[in-house]
Structures are given as structure tokens and as C-alpha cells.
């Protein structure tokens, strides 16, 4: 897991990128870097270790570039050294790329590009991307772009060669007014400001600047220019998209006097529990109410979703999986319904036999956990294909993020109202789940 940010607009990009990376440092902290385009040149600064090391390198530099990308890294390919830090560039230093995710076929692509004369300087999978884009740019004709920008078309063709789960932000010194972003099985959101646009792995990086955001879908890429945003599918089809408005206050992503975010989130737990209970419990209900009266809890789920229910299965990863185990004991003890808890990354490759009249619940704090989303998508598909309606999909998601991919994948969402989580070790999300 890494954090990426991007900016194009009228302000100096470097400061915006650094502040955005500070909000994403929980996603990786073994190295960091930024790349900017100014006066037809690509400038790249990287540093091993925490983000402050990068800040120290940038202090004193007068960088007024209006276009840039940034990255904070949690190493997957190549040890945490400066030469492996993002952004990565092509052989001629004209294209820069930051990535969150993994390119699974990078070795084959690396060998192909080396045979074409491209020179590699890192051990990472990401470095194949700028070389691949440069390769396509060199071959593209005006007719082949079909009205799209050359950079966007080169990136689109590159994406068709990439296998894996990745989010990308790409800039080029030869396209000083364009930022191209890509999403494939890794979260990425676009922010809309006044004459400026942002991208980030997670919304905390851009909330201080705008609350109008567009979460990208898998298999999409977008061109961000001073004139606006254009979104396309990997096949090249223009997509009709509308941003949503987040109901967030920028102060939510600040420490507010606490030493670190984990401590802040520990102290937020009583308020989180109170808000969750107030949301879903009928405060007019009493224990003396007749059994025929409405139940004390209302989750806003339709009656037919629970009608004839015989079994529950919960899919989750990490902390959410542990919360699901607690939920299993509570549900079985109070409701008398059998519950099976599946680790999503295992369930994807070894699903259990289908059981009729089953409710499937996906639990993910961010709503973007790749294995959980893939497991839910697979389960929804195989149940929808079953000829017996008793095996049909009944799907519910539990997430704090109403704008997340989970909310677009399943028809029903329960919001624990834990608010945004920034601390690496989960506290309030676990309690709320």
C-alpha cells in the first residue's frame, strides 16, 4: 500500500503535494518523492525514509511549477532506497509516474522494453510504466489518437499491457498542461477545485482544498487539464461522470492537538459509539413494549432482504475480520442464526459451497479493500448465476465511506459512523464495526 497525490492548477504544486502526502503517510513511510513540470523540464526530488527527509531536501528550493505528482512508499518490489523511490522516469527523463499497487507482469514488460533500448535504474515494478508510455508515445500517429491527447492515448495503450492492481498518476515535460490518472483495482479519487484539479489515493489528501470529488471506477483513466476532466474506459470510450460532494469538515483530518492520529482516534471512540447507537436505535422504544411492536433497532434494510434468512456469511480482511469474529458470536447468541466468517483473500480463491437463503456482509473500513471487494463481486456473480432463487444474492456492506467502491458494488450499506481513519492501528473503526 502506497499513497499518491497529483495537482494541476494555478498554485505552486510542491507545497500542495507535500501536504497531501502528510495526510497519506499512514499508507507508506519508507521513502517519498515528488515530480513537477516547469518551463518544459521535469524536476524530480526523492528521499529515503520519512516524509520529513523529503521536506528537508525541498526546503530552500523555489519551485513554482503548477503541475506535479507525489508519492509515499511502502515497498513491495525493491528495498527501501532512494533509487527505488517514486516518482520513476523514462530513459530520457521526460515522463514521471507514481503508482499504488503491483504490476504483476513487470518482468516480461521489462525484458521487452530493454530489448527496445530502454534503460532501467531501479528494482521496482513501477519503472516499466514510464518506459512503456514513452515507447507508445514514440510510435503514435495523430490519426491513432482519435481526438484524445497523445499522452492520454499512450497511457491508455500502456494500461492494456499491464496486469495487476494499480493506480497511477502520470505527467510529462512535453505535456505541461496535463495530468493523467488511472485506476485498476486500487483506489483513486479526483478532486474538483476552482480552476484546479487534484488526485489522491484517499480523500484526506484533498479535503482541505475541495469537497467535490469523483471516485474513479476500475478500468478507467482520466485526463486532468486546466479546461476540465475527461474520463475514459481502457477501451477508449468517453464516460459521463458527475462529482459528489463530501459531507466532511477539513478539521476531521487534523490531529487537533493530539500527539498522533492513533491517540486522537482512541479518544474519539465514546463519541463514535454514541453516534452509532443514536443513528440506529429507536429512543422511544422501551423494554415494556409489546413483542408485536417495532424492534428497537432499525438498520434501514428492506424486509425482503431478511425474509426467510437461514445463514449469514461475513467477508473481511485484517481488523475488519477480527470485528467480524466478534459479530459472529453476538449474532449467533442473540439471533440464533449460523454465521460463517471468511477471510476475503482466501475466500476469493477457495469459496465455500453455496448455501441457500444466505445474507453476505462485506466489512471494510475504507470501502476500498481490494480482496474484500473482489470476494463480494465474485460471490454476487456466482449467486446471480444460480438458477434457484433461494441462492440469489443478498448483499450488505459495512463501511465508513459512503463514497467508496463498496457502496457502488452492493445495494445496501450500513455506516458505523466512525468517521475517517488515519491512524495505522485501527481503534475506533473496530469498535464501531
Protein backbone atom coordinates (compact mmCIF):
# COMPACT_ATOMS: atom_id res chain seq x y z
CA UNK A 1 0.00 0.00 0.00
CA UNK A 2 1.32 3.41 -1.03
CA UNK A 3 -0.08 6.91 -1.23
CA UNK A 4 -0.18 9.02 -4.40
CA UNK A 5 -1.23 12.62 -4.98
CA UNK A 6 -1.38 14.88 -8.02
CA UNK A 7 -2.17 18.53 -8.73
CA UNK A 8 -2.73 20.77 -11.75
CA UNK A 9 -3.90 24.35 -11.35
CA UNK A 10 -2.81 27.89 -10.65
CA UNK A 11 -0.92 27.44 -7.39
CA UNK A 12 2.56 26.11 -6.67
CA UNK A 13 2.19 22.33 -6.78
CA UNK A 14 5.05 21.32 -4.48
CA UNK A 15 3.51 22.58 -1.22
CA UNK A 16 0.13 21.05 -2.08
CA UNK A 17 1.78 17.71 -2.87
CA UNK A 18 3.76 17.64 0.38
CA UNK A 19 0.71 18.48 2.48
CA UNK A 20 -1.27 15.83 0.65
CA UNK A 21 1.44 13.26 1.31
CA UNK A 22 1.37 14.12 5.01
CA UNK A 23 -2.29 13.06 5.04
CA UNK A 24 -1.33 9.80 3.32
CA UNK A 25 1.84 8.95 5.23
CA UNK A 26 -0.06 6.18 7.00
CA UNK A 27 -0.08 4.40 3.62
CA UNK A 28 3.71 4.14 3.50
CA UNK A 29 6.76 5.73 5.05
CA UNK A 30 9.96 4.08 3.78
CA UNK A 31 10.55 6.73 1.08
CA UNK A 32 8.82 9.64 -0.64
CA UNK A 33 9.19 11.85 -3.67
CA UNK A 34 7.60 14.45 -5.93
CA UNK A 35 7.94 15.35 -9.61
CA UNK A 36 6.91 18.67 -11.15
CA UNK A 37 6.91 20.19 -14.63
CA UNK A 38 8.11 23.76 -15.08
CA UNK A 39 9.27 25.58 -18.22
CA UNK A 40 9.36 22.38 -20.25
CA UNK A 41 11.53 20.48 -17.77
CA UNK A 42 10.74 17.63 -15.39
CA UNK A 43 12.07 18.09 -11.86
CA UNK A 44 12.16 15.10 -9.51
CA UNK A 45 13.17 15.03 -5.84
CA UNK A 46 13.16 11.81 -3.80
CA UNK A 47 14.31 10.80 -0.33
CA UNK A 48 14.67 7.60 1.65
CA UNK A 49 12.86 7.40 4.97
CA UNK A 50 10.06 9.51 6.33
CA UNK A 51 8.41 12.40 4.56
CA UNK A 52 10.37 14.93 6.60
CA UNK A 53 13.54 13.83 4.80
CA UNK A 54 11.92 14.86 1.52
CA UNK A 55 10.77 18.14 3.04
CA UNK A 56 14.35 18.86 4.14
CA UNK A 57 15.56 18.38 0.57
CA UNK A 58 12.88 20.72 -0.79
CA UNK A 59 13.46 23.48 1.76
CA UNK A 60 15.05 26.49 0.13
CA UNK A 61 14.06 25.49 -3.41
CA UNK A 62 11.95 27.98 -5.35
CA UNK A 63 9.64 25.61 -7.22
CA UNK A 64 6.69 27.45 -8.77
CA UNK A 65 5.53 24.59 -11.02
CA UNK A 66 1.75 24.34 -11.41
CA UNK A 67 1.74 20.63 -12.25
CA UNK A 68 3.07 17.76 -10.18
CA UNK A 69 2.70 14.31 -8.63
CA UNK A 70 3.85 12.88 -5.31
CA UNK A 71 4.26 9.51 -3.63
CA UNK A 72 4.87 7.97 -0.22
CA UNK A 73 6.03 4.37 -0.42
CA UNK A 74 5.54 1.09 1.36
CA UNK A 75 7.98 -1.14 -0.50
CA UNK A 76 6.76 -4.23 -2.37
CA UNK A 77 9.39 -4.55 -5.12
CA UNK A 78 12.93 -3.45 -4.30
CA UNK A 79 14.34 -2.47 -0.94
CA UNK A 80 13.60 0.96 0.57
CA UNK A 81 16.34 3.04 -1.05
CA UNK A 82 16.22 6.38 -2.84
CA UNK A 83 16.79 4.79 -6.27
CA UNK A 84 13.65 2.70 -5.72
CA UNK A 85 11.58 5.66 -4.50
CA UNK A 86 8.85 7.11 -6.70
CA UNK A 87 8.34 9.01 -8.98
CA UNK A 88 10.01 6.85 -11.64
CA UNK A 89 11.04 8.23 -15.02
CA UNK A 90 11.68 7.02 -18.55
CA UNK A 91 15.17 6.79 -20.07
CA UNK A 92 15.21 10.43 -21.22
CA UNK A 93 13.69 11.84 -18.01
CA UNK A 94 10.64 13.31 -19.75
CA UNK A 95 7.88 11.21 -18.15
CA UNK A 96 7.27 10.61 -14.44
CA UNK A 97 4.95 8.06 -12.82
CA UNK A 98 3.76 7.29 -9.30
CA UNK A 99 1.93 4.07 -8.51
CA UNK A 100 -0.05 2.43 -5.74
CA UNK A 101 -0.35 -1.30 -6.35
CA UNK A 102 1.51 -4.07 -8.13
CA UNK A 103 2.28 -4.71 -11.82
CA UNK A 104 2.25 -8.50 -11.91
CA UNK A 105 3.77 -8.91 -15.37
CA UNK A 106 6.51 -6.31 -14.95
CA UNK A 107 9.34 -8.77 -15.61
CA UNK A 108 8.05 -9.63 -19.08
CA UNK A 109 7.47 -5.95 -19.86
CA UNK A 110 10.91 -5.04 -18.54
CA UNK A 111 12.59 -7.58 -20.81
CA UNK A 112 10.59 -6.34 -23.81
CA UNK A 113 11.47 -2.71 -23.14
CA UNK A 114 15.13 -3.48 -22.55
CA UNK A 115 15.21 -5.13 -25.95
CA UNK A 116 13.93 -1.84 -27.39
CA UNK A 117 16.84 0.02 -25.76
CA UNK A 118 15.18 1.35 -22.59
CA UNK A 119 17.49 1.64 -19.56
CA UNK A 120 16.27 0.75 -16.06
CA UNK A 121 17.80 2.08 -12.84
CA UNK A 122 15.55 0.64 -10.10
CA UNK A 123 14.34 -2.75 -8.86
CA UNK A 124 10.68 -1.77 -8.89
CA UNK A 125 7.73 -2.94 -10.94
CA UNK A 126 6.56 0.67 -11.40
CA UNK A 127 9.51 1.70 -13.56
CA UNK A 128 8.15 -0.23 -16.53
CA UNK A 129 5.24 2.23 -16.77
CA UNK A 130 7.10 5.42 -17.80
CA UNK A 131 9.18 3.41 -20.28
CA UNK A 132 6.04 1.79 -21.69
CA UNK A 133 4.30 5.16 -22.07
CA UNK A 134 7.42 6.60 -23.75
CA UNK A 135 7.50 3.64 -26.13
CA UNK A 136 3.91 4.18 -27.22
CA UNK A 137 4.36 7.95 -27.46
CA UNK A 138 7.22 7.46 -29.90
CA UNK A 139 5.05 5.32 -32.18
CA UNK A 140 1.70 7.16 -32.03
CA UNK A 141 0.39 8.98 -35.08
CA UNK A 142 -2.16 11.80 -34.98
CA UNK A 143 -4.80 9.56 -36.56
CA UNK A 144 -4.38 6.90 -33.87
CA UNK A 145 -5.23 9.27 -31.03
CA UNK A 146 -8.85 9.62 -32.29
CA UNK A 147 -9.16 13.12 -30.85
CA UNK A 148 -7.65 12.23 -27.47
CA UNK A 149 -4.42 13.77 -26.26
CA UNK A 150 -1.27 11.86 -27.25
CA UNK A 151 -0.25 11.39 -23.63
CA UNK A 152 -3.67 10.02 -22.66
CA UNK A 153 -3.69 7.64 -25.63
CA UNK A 154 -0.17 6.40 -24.87
CA UNK A 155 -1.19 5.76 -21.26
CA UNK A 156 -4.38 4.02 -22.37
CA UNK A 157 -2.45 1.65 -24.63
CA UNK A 158 0.06 1.03 -21.86
CA UNK A 159 -2.75 0.07 -19.46
CA UNK A 160 -3.86 -2.67 -21.83
CA UNK A 161 -0.40 -4.24 -21.41
CA UNK A 162 -0.42 -4.06 -17.60
CA UNK A 163 -1.65 -6.94 -15.43
CA UNK A 164 -2.30 -6.41 -11.74
CA UNK A 165 -3.93 -4.00 -9.33
CA UNK A 166 -2.71 -0.43 -9.68
CA UNK A 167 -3.48 3.27 -9.52
CA UNK A 168 -1.26 5.64 -11.48
CA UNK A 169 -0.61 9.36 -11.83
CA UNK A 170 1.50 10.40 -14.82
CA UNK A 171 2.99 13.69 -16.03
CA UNK A 172 5.32 14.59 -18.89
CA UNK A 173 7.59 17.54 -19.57
CA UNK A 174 6.24 17.52 -23.13
CA UNK A 175 2.62 17.90 -21.94
CA UNK A 176 2.89 20.72 -19.41
CA UNK A 177 -0.88 21.19 -19.09
CA UNK A 178 -1.99 17.61 -18.49
CA UNK A 179 -2.10 15.11 -15.63
CA UNK A 180 -3.24 11.59 -16.50
CA UNK A 181 -4.58 9.25 -13.81
CA UNK A 182 -5.52 5.57 -13.93
CA UNK A 183 -7.45 3.20 -11.68
CA UNK A 184 -7.44 -0.59 -11.84
CA UNK A 185 -8.27 -2.41 -8.60
CA UNK A 186 -6.63 0.26 -6.42
CA UNK A 187 -8.37 3.35 -5.02
CA UNK A 188 -8.07 6.74 -6.70
CA UNK A 189 -10.22 9.84 -6.39
CA UNK A 190 -10.25 13.08 -8.40
CA UNK A 191 -10.90 16.41 -6.66
CA UNK A 192 -12.53 19.42 -8.33
CA UNK A 193 -11.44 22.87 -7.20
CA UNK A 194 -11.78 26.40 -8.58
CA UNK A 195 -9.63 26.28 -11.71
CA UNK A 196 -7.60 23.41 -10.29
CA UNK A 197 -7.82 19.64 -10.01
CA UNK A 198 -6.39 17.06 -7.64
CA UNK A 199 -5.98 13.31 -7.44
CA UNK A 200 -5.17 11.10 -4.47
CA UNK A 201 -5.27 7.56 -3.16
CA UNK A 202 -7.58 8.70 -0.39
CA UNK A 203 -9.78 11.72 0.17
CA UNK A 204 -7.98 13.14 3.28
CA UNK A 205 -5.25 14.40 0.95
CA UNK A 206 -7.63 16.68 -0.95
CA UNK A 207 -10.37 17.54 1.57
CA UNK A 208 -8.50 20.69 2.74
CA UNK A 209 -8.87 22.01 -0.84
CA UNK A 210 -12.23 20.72 -2.05
CA UNK A 211 -15.16 18.52 -1.08
CA UNK A 212 -16.26 17.89 -4.69
CA UNK A 213 -14.77 14.53 -5.63
CA UNK A 214 -15.12 11.83 -8.27
CA UNK A 215 -14.14 8.31 -7.16
CA UNK A 216 -12.81 6.52 -10.23
CA UNK A 217 -14.03 3.08 -11.27
CA UNK A 218 -11.89 0.10 -12.20
CA UNK A 219 -10.71 0.17 -15.78
CA UNK A 220 -10.86 3.95 -16.09
CA UNK A 221 -8.31 6.65 -16.89
CA UNK A 222 -8.74 10.41 -16.90
CA UNK A 223 -7.08 13.47 -18.34
CA UNK A 224 -6.92 16.48 -16.00
CA UNK A 225 -6.18 19.79 -17.70
CA UNK A 226 -6.86 23.46 -16.86
CA UNK A 227 -10.00 23.11 -19.01
CA UNK A 228 -11.51 20.23 -17.03
CA UNK A 229 -11.57 16.47 -16.59
CA UNK A 230 -12.24 13.83 -19.23
CA UNK A 231 -12.76 10.21 -18.15
CA UNK A 232 -12.37 7.24 -20.50
CA UNK A 233 -12.56 3.47 -20.25
CA UNK A 234 -9.49 1.39 -21.08
CA UNK A 235 -11.23 0.65 -24.38
CA UNK A 236 -11.23 4.38 -25.20
CA UNK A 237 -14.92 5.16 -24.66
CA UNK A 238 -15.69 8.57 -23.11
CA UNK A 239 -17.53 8.23 -19.80
CA UNK A 240 -20.23 10.53 -18.43
CA UNK A 241 -19.33 11.31 -14.82
CA UNK A 242 -20.54 13.67 -12.11
CA UNK A 243 -18.64 14.54 -8.91
CA UNK A 244 -20.18 14.04 -5.49
CA UNK A 245 -19.93 16.37 -2.51
CA UNK A 246 -18.40 15.00 0.68
CA UNK A 247 -20.05 15.93 3.96
CA UNK A 248 -16.68 16.40 5.63
CA UNK A 249 -15.04 19.17 7.58
CA UNK A 250 -11.31 19.62 6.83
CA UNK A 251 -10.64 19.65 10.58
CA UNK A 252 -11.58 15.96 10.64
CA UNK A 253 -8.23 15.11 9.05
CA UNK A 254 -6.18 17.16 11.53
CA UNK A 255 -4.66 15.97 14.82
CA UNK A 256 -6.50 18.67 16.78
CA UNK A 257 -3.84 18.90 19.48
CA UNK A 258 -3.21 15.17 19.91
CA UNK A 259 0.35 13.85 19.58
CA UNK A 260 -0.65 11.47 16.78
CA UNK A 261 -3.76 10.26 14.96
CA UNK A 262 -3.97 6.95 16.80
CA UNK A 263 -4.30 8.73 20.14
CA UNK A 264 -6.91 11.07 18.67
CA UNK A 265 -8.93 8.15 17.35
CA UNK A 266 -8.76 6.31 20.69
CA UNK A 267 -10.33 9.33 22.39
CA UNK A 268 -12.96 9.61 19.66
CA UNK A 269 -14.38 6.16 20.47
CA UNK A 270 -17.03 7.20 23.03
CA UNK A 271 -18.46 9.74 20.60
CA UNK A 272 -18.39 7.21 17.77
CA UNK A 273 -20.30 4.62 19.79
CA UNK A 274 -22.84 7.25 20.90
CA UNK A 275 -23.42 8.43 17.32
CA UNK A 276 -23.78 4.86 16.04
CA UNK A 277 -26.33 3.96 18.72
CA UNK A 278 -28.30 7.18 18.23
CA UNK A 279 -28.44 6.51 14.49
CA UNK A 280 -29.83 3.00 14.62
CA UNK A 281 -31.70 2.71 17.96
CA UNK A 282 -35.27 3.96 18.38
CA UNK A 283 -35.06 6.12 21.51
CA UNK A 284 -38.81 5.85 22.03
CA UNK A 285 -38.65 2.07 22.44
CA UNK A 286 -38.91 0.57 25.93
CA UNK A 287 -38.42 -2.93 27.28
CA UNK A 288 -42.09 -2.90 28.26
CA UNK A 289 -43.17 -2.56 24.63
CA UNK A 290 -45.23 -5.50 23.31
CA UNK A 291 -43.41 -8.07 21.19
CA UNK A 292 -45.56 -7.13 18.22
CA UNK A 293 -44.26 -3.56 18.28
CA UNK A 294 -41.47 -2.33 16.04
CA UNK A 295 -38.00 -3.61 17.05
CA UNK A 296 -35.69 -1.23 18.93
CA UNK A 297 -33.12 -1.23 16.13
CA UNK A 298 -33.62 -0.06 12.55
CA UNK A 299 -30.74 -0.51 10.10
CA UNK A 300 -32.73 0.78 7.15
CA UNK A 301 -32.66 -2.57 5.36
CA UNK A 302 -35.69 -3.77 3.37
CA UNK A 303 -37.79 -6.54 4.91
CA UNK A 304 -37.40 -8.87 1.93
CA UNK A 305 -33.61 -8.87 2.39
CA UNK A 306 -34.01 -10.67 5.72
CA UNK A 307 -37.13 -12.70 4.92
CA UNK A 308 -36.55 -16.45 5.31
CA UNK A 309 -32.92 -15.87 6.22
CA UNK A 310 -31.17 -19.06 7.37
CA UNK A 311 -27.49 -18.24 7.26
CA UNK A 312 -25.00 -15.32 7.29
CA UNK A 313 -21.53 -15.14 5.86
CA UNK A 314 -19.17 -12.24 6.51
CA UNK A 315 -16.13 -11.49 4.35
CA UNK A 316 -13.42 -9.13 5.55
CA UNK A 317 -9.67 -8.62 6.00
CA UNK A 318 -7.42 -7.51 8.83
CA UNK A 319 -9.05 -5.58 11.64
CA UNK A 320 -12.46 -5.86 9.98
CA UNK A 321 -12.08 -9.65 10.02
CA UNK A 322 -11.46 -9.55 13.78
CA UNK A 323 -14.53 -7.34 14.22
CA UNK A 324 -16.49 -9.88 12.15
CA UNK A 325 -15.44 -12.67 14.52
CA UNK A 326 -16.90 -10.70 17.43
CA UNK A 327 -20.01 -10.11 15.35
CA UNK A 328 -20.35 -13.84 14.70
CA UNK A 329 -20.58 -14.60 18.42
CA UNK A 330 -23.06 -11.80 19.04
CA UNK A 331 -25.33 -12.65 16.10
CA UNK A 332 -25.38 -16.37 16.84
CA UNK A 333 -26.05 -15.75 20.54
CA UNK A 334 -28.76 -13.13 20.07
CA UNK A 335 -30.38 -14.05 16.75
CA UNK A 336 -29.77 -17.78 16.65
CA UNK A 337 -28.63 -17.61 13.01
CA UNK A 338 -25.48 -19.52 11.96
CA UNK A 339 -22.65 -17.22 10.87
CA UNK A 340 -19.53 -18.04 8.87
CA UNK A 341 -16.65 -15.55 8.79
CA UNK A 342 -14.42 -15.71 5.71
CA UNK A 343 -11.02 -14.10 5.23
CA UNK A 344 -11.61 -12.32 1.93
CA UNK A 345 -8.21 -13.00 0.37
CA UNK A 346 -8.68 -16.75 0.97
CA UNK A 347 -12.36 -16.78 0.02
CA UNK A 348 -11.52 -15.36 -3.42
CA UNK A 349 -9.58 -18.49 -4.33
CA UNK A 350 -11.37 -21.09 -2.24
CA UNK A 351 -15.05 -20.12 -1.88
CA UNK A 352 -17.34 -22.30 0.19
CA UNK A 353 -20.21 -24.20 -1.47
CA UNK A 354 -23.30 -22.05 -1.93
CA UNK A 355 -25.87 -22.22 0.86
CA UNK A 356 -29.47 -21.12 0.20
CA UNK A 357 -31.11 -18.14 1.92
CA UNK A 358 -27.78 -16.58 2.85
CA UNK A 359 -27.02 -12.94 3.58
CA UNK A 360 -23.46 -11.91 2.65
CA UNK A 361 -21.94 -8.99 4.55
CA UNK A 362 -18.74 -7.29 3.43
CA UNK A 363 -16.89 -5.33 6.11
CA UNK A 364 -14.19 -2.79 5.19
CA UNK A 365 -13.40 0.48 6.96
CA UNK A 366 -12.35 2.30 3.80
CA UNK A 367 -14.72 0.54 1.42
CA UNK A 368 -11.70 0.03 -0.85
CA UNK A 369 -10.08 -3.17 0.46
CA UNK A 370 -9.24 -4.93 -2.81
CA UNK A 371 -9.61 -8.53 -1.59
CA UNK A 372 -12.93 -7.81 0.12
CA UNK A 373 -14.33 -6.09 -2.97
CA UNK A 374 -13.15 -8.92 -5.23
CA UNK A 375 -14.65 -11.55 -2.91
CA UNK A 376 -18.01 -9.76 -2.80
CA UNK A 377 -18.04 -9.29 -6.57
CA UNK A 378 -17.30 -12.97 -7.09
CA UNK A 379 -19.96 -14.07 -4.61
CA UNK A 380 -22.55 -11.74 -6.12
CA UNK A 381 -21.78 -13.12 -9.57
CA UNK A 382 -21.95 -16.80 -8.74
CA UNK A 383 -25.17 -16.38 -6.77
CA UNK A 384 -26.80 -14.32 -9.52
CA UNK A 385 -25.97 -17.11 -11.99
CA UNK A 386 -27.65 -19.82 -9.89
CA UNK A 387 -30.99 -20.98 -11.32
CA UNK A 388 -32.60 -21.49 -7.89
CA UNK A 389 -33.81 -18.13 -6.47
CA UNK A 390 -33.13 -19.35 -2.93
CA UNK A 391 -29.42 -18.98 -3.75
CA UNK A 392 -29.81 -15.43 -5.11
CA UNK A 393 -27.50 -12.67 -3.88
CA UNK A 394 -28.41 -10.81 -0.69
CA UNK A 395 -25.60 -8.33 -0.15
CA UNK A 396 -24.86 -5.76 2.56
CA UNK A 397 -21.74 -3.67 3.14
CA UNK A 398 -20.44 -2.11 6.34
CA UNK A 399 -18.14 0.87 5.74
CA UNK A 400 -17.44 4.38 6.98
CA UNK A 401 -17.13 5.72 3.46
CA UNK A 402 -20.40 6.28 1.63
CA UNK A 403 -18.49 7.41 -1.48
CA UNK A 404 -16.37 4.25 -1.64
CA UNK A 405 -16.28 1.42 -4.18
CA UNK A 406 -18.13 -0.85 -1.74
CA UNK A 407 -21.17 1.43 -1.82
CA UNK A 408 -21.31 1.07 -5.60
CA UNK A 409 -20.80 -2.69 -5.53
CA UNK A 410 -23.52 -3.78 -3.09
CA UNK A 411 -27.08 -2.40 -2.90
CA UNK A 412 -27.25 -1.84 0.88
CA UNK A 413 -24.74 -0.04 3.13
CA UNK A 414 -24.60 0.26 6.93
CA UNK A 415 -22.46 3.19 8.05
CA UNK A 416 -20.92 2.66 11.54
CA UNK A 417 -20.32 6.44 11.71
CA UNK A 418 -16.76 6.01 12.91
CA UNK A 419 -15.57 8.84 10.69
CA UNK A 420 -12.35 8.84 8.76
CA UNK A 421 -9.46 6.69 9.98
CA UNK A 422 -5.88 7.87 9.51
CA UNK A 423 -4.01 6.01 12.27
CA UNK A 424 -2.43 2.76 11.02
CA UNK A 425 -3.53 0.71 14.01
CA UNK A 426 -7.33 0.58 13.97
CA UNK A 427 -9.15 1.65 17.12
CA UNK A 428 -12.48 3.42 16.61
CA UNK A 429 -13.34 1.56 13.33
CA UNK A 430 -13.00 -1.79 15.11
CA UNK A 431 -15.19 -0.63 17.98
CA UNK A 432 -17.82 0.75 15.62
CA UNK A 433 -17.84 -2.29 13.35
